[in-house]
């Protein structure tokens, strides 16, 4: 799984001019599910982002996690995170999971965050969405479960 995390002061997703998900502060998560992903990757990624210390403490240092800060999460499906641009000028999305695999993993990921006590809002899987956000910092982090368990060099 791949995720782009953006620390936000607010974010919302609209589909056909209707708001389907909105938060006032926390993380906007663009989530891509790959063909080789399973619930294990979803669990690892959910735990990592919930505990990642990227929120300001009372001294202004990035020292608090999403759980510590009491922030919310807006999760938006984003298969294009698996775009392969190495050949030609049109990205290949062959490594992105098909909806029948991706939807249950996307839902499991969101449910895992809810079970951690987080408020979770979502976009609408597979829909054309407008995503609006105010990036706080700006702070933007890339996470890939293929790299989360790799040893540091």
Foldseek 3Di string as FASTA:
>chain_A
DKKKKFWFCKKFKDFPNHTQWIFRTAIEIADFAWPPDDLVLLLVVLVCQQAPQQDQDPVGDSGGGSLRVQGAYEYEYDLCVCFDCPDDHGTDSNGTDDCVRPVVSSVSSQVSNVVVVHHYTYYDPPGDMDMDTGGPVGDIDMDDSVPPPDDDD
